[in-house]
Amino acid sequence: MSVDPPEVSAAFRAGLGAEFPFLCDYERKVQRQLDLQETSDPRHDPIIPYSFTLYPDLTIHKIYNGYWFWGRPTLEELRQDFREISRKIRPDWDLQNIRR
């Protein structure tokens, strides 16, 4: 989630060719509601960089504190998260348990 204005987020998304939505909190409503204010830079008032993996209904599966490099999820961690989510939501995940 960025704090950029919607038009900046849309331009960035288009520039990347992304087909997924970018979340934007330009008015910083979510930042206040979830207490995500980064206190070390009051001038720019950034959001603490969290990463979430979500179920299809947008329920949070896992939260990563994205500070710098060591807090962000690796591609392998994301792959494992999505594997676990898929296992829980897909009835055809385990082919041995599918009833014919």
N, C-alpha and C. Protein backbone atom coordinates (compact mmCIF):
# COMPACT_ATOMS: atom_id res chain seq x y z
N MET A 1 0.86 -1.16 0.00
CA MET A 1 0.00 0.00 0.00
C MET A 1 0.91 1.23 0.00
N SER A 2 0.64 2.11 -0.90
CA SER A 2 1.45 3.32 -0.96
C SER A 2 0.63 4.52 -0.47
N VAL A 3 1.33 5.61 -0.23
CA VAL A 3 0.65 6.85 0.15
C VAL A 3 0.66 7.84 -1.02
N ASP A 4 0.97 7.33 -2.19
CA ASP A 4 0.96 8.17 -3.39
C ASP A 4 -0.48 8.47 -3.79
N PRO A 5 -0.70 9.61 -4.46
CA PRO A 5 -2.04 9.90 -4.99
C PRO A 5 -2.46 8.81 -5.99
N PRO A 6 -3.76 8.58 -6.15
CA PRO A 6 -4.24 7.51 -7.05
C PRO A 6 -3.67 7.60 -8.47
N GLU A 7 -3.52 8.80 -8.99
CA GLU A 7 -3.01 8.92 -10.36
C GLU A 7 -1.55 8.50 -10.45
N VAL A 8 -0.77 8.74 -9.41
CA VAL A 8 0.63 8.31 -9.40
C VAL A 8 0.70 6.79 -9.30
N SER A 9 -0.12 6.21 -8.43
CA SER A 9 -0.17 4.75 -8.31
C SER A 9 -0.59 4.11 -9.62
N ALA A 10 -1.59 4.70 -10.28
CA ALA A 10 -2.08 4.16 -11.55
C ALA A 10 -1.00 4.23 -12.63
N ALA A 11 -0.25 5.33 -12.66
CA ALA A 11 0.82 5.47 -13.64
C ALA A 11 1.94 4.46 -13.37
N PHE A 12 2.27 4.26 -12.11
CA PHE A 12 3.30 3.30 -11.74
C PHE A 12 2.86 1.88 -12.13
N ARG A 13 1.60 1.56 -11.82
CA ARG A 13 1.05 0.24 -12.16
C ARG A 13 1.08 0.03 -13.68
N ALA A 14 0.65 1.04 -14.43
CA ALA A 14 0.65 0.94 -15.89
C ALA A 14 2.08 0.81 -16.43
N GLY A 15 3.00 1.55 -15.85
CA GLY A 15 4.40 1.49 -16.27
C GLY A 15 5.01 0.12 -16.06
N LEU A 16 4.56 -0.57 -15.03
CA LEU A 16 5.05 -1.92 -14.77
C LEU A 16 4.31 -2.98 -15.58
N GLY A 17 3.16 -2.58 -16.14
CA GLY A 17 2.33 -3.54 -16.85
C GLY A 17 1.65 -4.51 -15.89
N ALA A 18 1.46 -4.08 -14.65
CA ALA A 18 0.87 -4.96 -13.63
C ALA A 18 -0.62 -5.17 -13.91
N GLU A 19 -1.06 -6.40 -13.73
CA GLU A 19 -2.47 -6.73 -13.92
C GLU A 19 -3.20 -6.86 -12.59
N PHE A 20 -2.52 -6.63 -11.51
CA PHE A 20 -3.12 -6.72 -10.18
C PHE A 20 -3.28 -5.30 -9.61
N PRO A 21 -4.19 -5.12 -8.68
CA PRO A 21 -4.43 -3.78 -8.14
C PRO A 21 -3.30 -3.32 -7.21
N PHE A 22 -3.08 -2.04 -7.18
CA PHE A 22 -2.17 -1.43 -6.22
C PHE A 22 -3.04 -0.74 -5.18
N LEU A 23 -2.76 -0.96 -3.92
CA LEU A 23 -3.52 -0.31 -2.87
C LEU A 23 -2.91 1.05 -2.56
N CYS A 24 -3.77 2.04 -2.42
CA CYS A 24 -3.32 3.40 -2.23
C CYS A 24 -4.06 4.01 -1.03
N ASP A 25 -3.32 4.61 -0.12
CA ASP A 25 -3.89 5.26 1.07
C ASP A 25 -3.44 6.71 1.10
N TYR A 26 -3.81 7.43 0.05
CA TYR A 26 -3.37 8.82 -0.10
C TYR A 26 -3.78 9.69 1.09
N GLU A 27 -4.96 9.46 1.62
CA GLU A 27 -5.43 10.27 2.76
C GLU A 27 -4.95 9.69 4.10
N ARG A 28 -4.24 8.59 4.05
CA ARG A 28 -3.64 7.94 5.22
C ARG A 28 -4.67 7.50 6.26
N LYS A 29 -5.85 7.13 5.79
CA LYS A 29 -6.90 6.64 6.69
C LYS A 29 -6.52 5.28 7.27
N VAL A 30 -6.07 4.37 6.40
CA VAL A 30 -5.68 3.03 6.84
C VAL A 30 -4.45 3.12 7.74
N GLN A 31 -3.54 4.00 7.39
CA GLN A 31 -2.34 4.19 8.20
C GLN A 31 -2.72 4.52 9.65
N ARG A 32 -3.68 5.39 9.84
CA ARG A 32 -4.13 5.76 11.19
C ARG A 32 -4.93 4.63 11.84
N GLN A 33 -5.83 4.01 11.07
CA GLN A 33 -6.67 2.95 11.63
C GLN A 33 -5.84 1.76 12.12
N LEU A 34 -4.81 1.40 11.39
CA LEU A 34 -3.99 0.24 11.73
C LEU A 34 -2.71 0.61 12.47
N ASP A 35 -2.55 1.89 12.81
CA ASP A 35 -1.36 2.37 13.52
C ASP A 35 -0.08 1.97 12.78
N LEU A 36 0.00 2.34 11.51
CA LEU A 36 1.14 1.99 10.67
C LEU A 36 2.06 3.17 10.39
N GLN A 37 2.03 4.18 11.24
CA GLN A 37 2.86 5.36 10.98
C GLN A 37 4.31 5.08 11.30
N GLU A 38 5.16 5.34 10.35
CA GLU A 38 6.61 5.24 10.54
C GLU A 38 7.04 6.52 11.25
N THR A 39 7.55 6.42 12.45
CA THR A 39 7.81 7.61 13.28
C THR A 39 9.18 8.24 13.04
N SER A 40 10.07 7.61 12.30
CA SER A 40 11.41 8.16 12.10
C SER A 40 11.45 9.26 11.04
N ASP A 41 10.36 9.46 10.29
CA ASP A 41 10.35 10.45 9.22
C ASP A 41 9.03 11.23 9.24
N PRO A 42 8.84 12.13 10.24
CA PRO A 42 7.57 12.84 10.34
C PRO A 42 7.29 13.77 9.16
N ARG A 43 8.33 14.20 8.46
CA ARG A 43 8.13 15.11 7.32
C ARG A 43 7.36 14.43 6.18
N HIS A 44 7.76 13.20 5.84
CA HIS A 44 7.12 12.48 4.73
C HIS A 44 6.01 11.55 5.18
N ASP A 45 5.96 11.24 6.48
CA ASP A 45 4.90 10.43 7.08
C ASP A 45 4.65 9.12 6.32
N PRO A 46 5.70 8.31 6.13
CA PRO A 46 5.50 7.05 5.39
C PRO A 46 4.79 6.00 6.22
N ILE A 47 4.32 4.96 5.54
CA ILE A 47 3.69 3.82 6.18
C ILE A 47 4.76 2.78 6.50
N ILE A 48 4.64 2.11 7.65
CA ILE A 48 5.54 1.00 7.96
C ILE A 48 5.34 -0.06 6.88
N PRO A 49 6.41 -0.53 6.28
CA PRO A 49 6.29 -1.44 5.13
C PRO A 49 6.00 -2.89 5.50
N TYR A 50 4.74 -3.22 5.65
CA TYR A 50 4.33 -4.60 5.90
C TYR A 50 3.97 -5.28 4.59
N SER A 51 4.16 -6.59 4.56
CA SER A 51 3.69 -7.41 3.44
C SER A 51 2.74 -8.45 4.00
N PHE A 52 1.68 -8.73 3.26
CA PHE A 52 0.67 -9.69 3.68
C PHE A 52 0.48 -10.73 2.60
N THR A 53 0.23 -11.97 3.01
CA THR A 53 -0.31 -12.96 2.08
C THR A 53 -1.75 -13.17 2.51
N LEU A 54 -2.64 -13.25 1.53
CA LEU A 54 -4.08 -13.26 1.80
C LEU A 54 -4.76 -14.46 1.18
N TYR A 55 -5.83 -14.90 1.84
CA TYR A 55 -6.73 -15.88 1.25
C TYR A 55 -7.61 -15.16 0.22
N PRO A 56 -8.29 -15.89 -0.65
CA PRO A 56 -9.14 -15.23 -1.65
C PRO A 56 -10.20 -14.30 -1.06
N ASP A 57 -10.65 -14.57 0.16
CA ASP A 57 -11.66 -13.68 0.78
C ASP A 57 -11.00 -12.50 1.49
N LEU A 58 -9.69 -12.31 1.28
CA LEU A 58 -8.87 -11.23 1.84
C LEU A 58 -8.57 -11.38 3.33
N THR A 59 -8.82 -12.57 3.89
CA THR A 59 -8.38 -12.87 5.24
C THR A 59 -6.86 -12.97 5.23
N ILE A 60 -6.22 -12.43 6.23
CA ILE A 60 -4.76 -12.44 6.29
C ILE A 60 -4.26 -13.84 6.66
N HIS A 61 -3.36 -14.35 5.85
CA HIS A 61 -2.71 -15.63 6.13
C HIS A 61 -1.44 -15.40 6.96
N LYS A 62 -0.59 -14.48 6.51
CA LYS A 62 0.66 -14.20 7.20
C LYS A 62 1.04 -12.74 7.00
N ILE A 63 1.70 -12.18 8.01
CA ILE A 63 2.16 -10.79 7.97
C ILE A 63 3.68 -10.79 8.08
N TYR A 64 4.32 -10.03 7.22
CA TYR A 64 5.76 -9.83 7.28
C TYR A 64 6.03 -8.36 7.56
N ASN A 65 6.89 -8.09 8.53
CA ASN A 65 7.33 -6.73 8.79
C ASN A 65 8.41 -6.43 7.77
N GLY A 66 8.09 -5.58 6.81
CA GLY A 66 8.96 -5.38 5.66
C GLY A 66 10.10 -4.42 5.83
N TYR A 67 10.52 -4.15 7.07
CA TYR A 67 11.65 -3.24 7.24
C TYR A 67 12.89 -3.75 6.55
N TRP A 68 13.41 -2.94 5.68
CA TRP A 68 14.64 -3.20 4.97
C TRP A 68 14.62 -4.57 4.31
N PHE A 69 15.76 -5.16 4.16
CA PHE A 69 15.84 -6.41 3.41
C PHE A 69 15.41 -7.61 4.24
N TRP A 70 15.81 -7.67 5.49
CA TRP A 70 15.61 -8.89 6.28
C TRP A 70 14.18 -9.12 6.72
N GLY A 71 13.32 -8.13 6.66
CA GLY A 71 11.94 -8.31 7.08
C GLY A 71 10.99 -8.66 5.95
N ARG A 72 11.41 -8.46 4.72
CA ARG A 72 10.54 -8.72 3.58
C ARG A 72 10.53 -10.21 3.26
N PRO A 73 9.39 -10.71 2.78
CA PRO A 73 9.35 -12.14 2.45
C PRO A 73 10.19 -12.43 1.20
N THR A 74 10.85 -13.57 1.21
CA THR A 74 11.58 -14.01 0.04
C THR A 74 10.59 -14.64 -0.94
N LEU A 75 11.03 -14.86 -2.14
CA LEU A 75 10.18 -15.55 -3.11
C LEU A 75 9.84 -16.95 -2.61
N GLU A 76 10.78 -17.60 -1.95
CA GLU A 76 10.52 -18.94 -1.43
C GLU A 76 9.47 -18.90 -0.31
N GLU A 77 9.52 -17.90 0.56
CA GLU A 77 8.51 -17.78 1.61
C GLU A 77 7.13 -17.53 1.01
N LEU A 78 7.07 -16.69 -0.02
CA LEU A 78 5.79 -16.43 -0.68
C LEU A 78 5.27 -17.70 -1.35
N ARG A 79 6.16 -18.45 -1.99
CA ARG A 79 5.76 -19.70 -2.64
C ARG A 79 5.19 -20.67 -1.60
N GLN A 80 5.85 -20.79 -0.46
CA GLN A 80 5.37 -21.67 0.60
C GLN A 80 4.02 -21.20 1.15
N ASP A 81 3.86 -19.89 1.31
CA ASP A 81 2.59 -19.34 1.80
C ASP A 81 1.46 -19.68 0.83
N PHE A 82 1.70 -19.45 -0.46
CA PHE A 82 0.65 -19.71 -1.44
C PHE A 82 0.38 -21.21 -1.58
N ARG A 83 1.39 -22.02 -1.36
CA ARG A 83 1.18 -23.47 -1.36
C ARG A 83 0.26 -23.85 -0.20
N GLU A 84 0.52 -23.30 0.97
CA GLU A 84 -0.31 -23.60 2.15
C GLU A 84 -1.74 -23.09 1.97
N ILE A 85 -1.88 -21.89 1.43
CA ILE A 85 -3.21 -21.34 1.16
C ILE A 85 -3.95 -22.24 0.17
N SER A 86 -3.29 -22.62 -0.90
CA SER A 86 -3.92 -23.48 -1.92
C SER A 86 -4.34 -24.82 -1.32
N ARG A 87 -3.50 -25.38 -0.48
CA ARG A 87 -3.82 -26.66 0.16
C ARG A 87 -5.10 -26.54 0.98
N LYS A 88 -5.30 -25.39 1.64
CA LYS A 88 -6.47 -25.20 2.50
C LYS A 88 -7.75 -24.89 1.72
N ILE A 89 -7.63 -24.25 0.57
CA ILE A 89 -8.84 -23.79 -0.13
C ILE A 89 -9.25 -24.64 -1.33
N ARG A 90 -8.35 -25.47 -1.81
CA ARG A 90 -8.66 -26.25 -3.02
C ARG A 90 -9.02 -27.68 -2.66
N PRO A 91 -10.23 -28.09 -2.97
CA PRO A 91 -10.62 -29.46 -2.67
C PRO A 91 -9.84 -30.50 -3.49
N ASP A 92 -9.27 -30.08 -4.60
CA ASP A 92 -8.53 -31.01 -5.45
C ASP A 92 -7.01 -30.97 -5.20
N TRP A 93 -6.59 -30.38 -4.10
CA TRP A 93 -5.16 -30.26 -3.82
C TRP A 93 -4.50 -31.63 -3.70
N ASP A 94 -5.09 -32.48 -2.87
CA ASP A 94 -4.53 -33.82 -2.67
C ASP A 94 -5.32 -34.80 -3.53
N LEU A 95 -4.74 -35.20 -4.63
CA LEU A 95 -5.44 -36.05 -5.59
C LEU A 95 -5.83 -37.41 -5.02
N GLN A 96 -5.14 -37.86 -3.98
CA GLN A 96 -5.48 -39.16 -3.38
C GLN A 96 -6.80 -39.09 -2.60
N ASN A 97 -7.19 -37.90 -2.18
CA ASN A 97 -8.41 -37.76 -1.38
C ASN A 97 -9.63 -37.35 -2.21
N ILE A 98 -9.47 -37.23 -3.51
CA ILE A 98 -10.60 -36.85 -4.35
C ILE A 98 -11.49 -38.08 -4.54
N ARG A 99 -12.75 -37.89 -4.28
CA ARG A 99 -13.72 -39.00 -4.46
C ARG A 99 -14.17 -39.04 -5.90
N ARG A 100 -14.24 -40.21 -6.41
CA ARG A 100 -14.64 -40.37 -7.82
C ARG A 100 -16.10 -40.65 -7.92
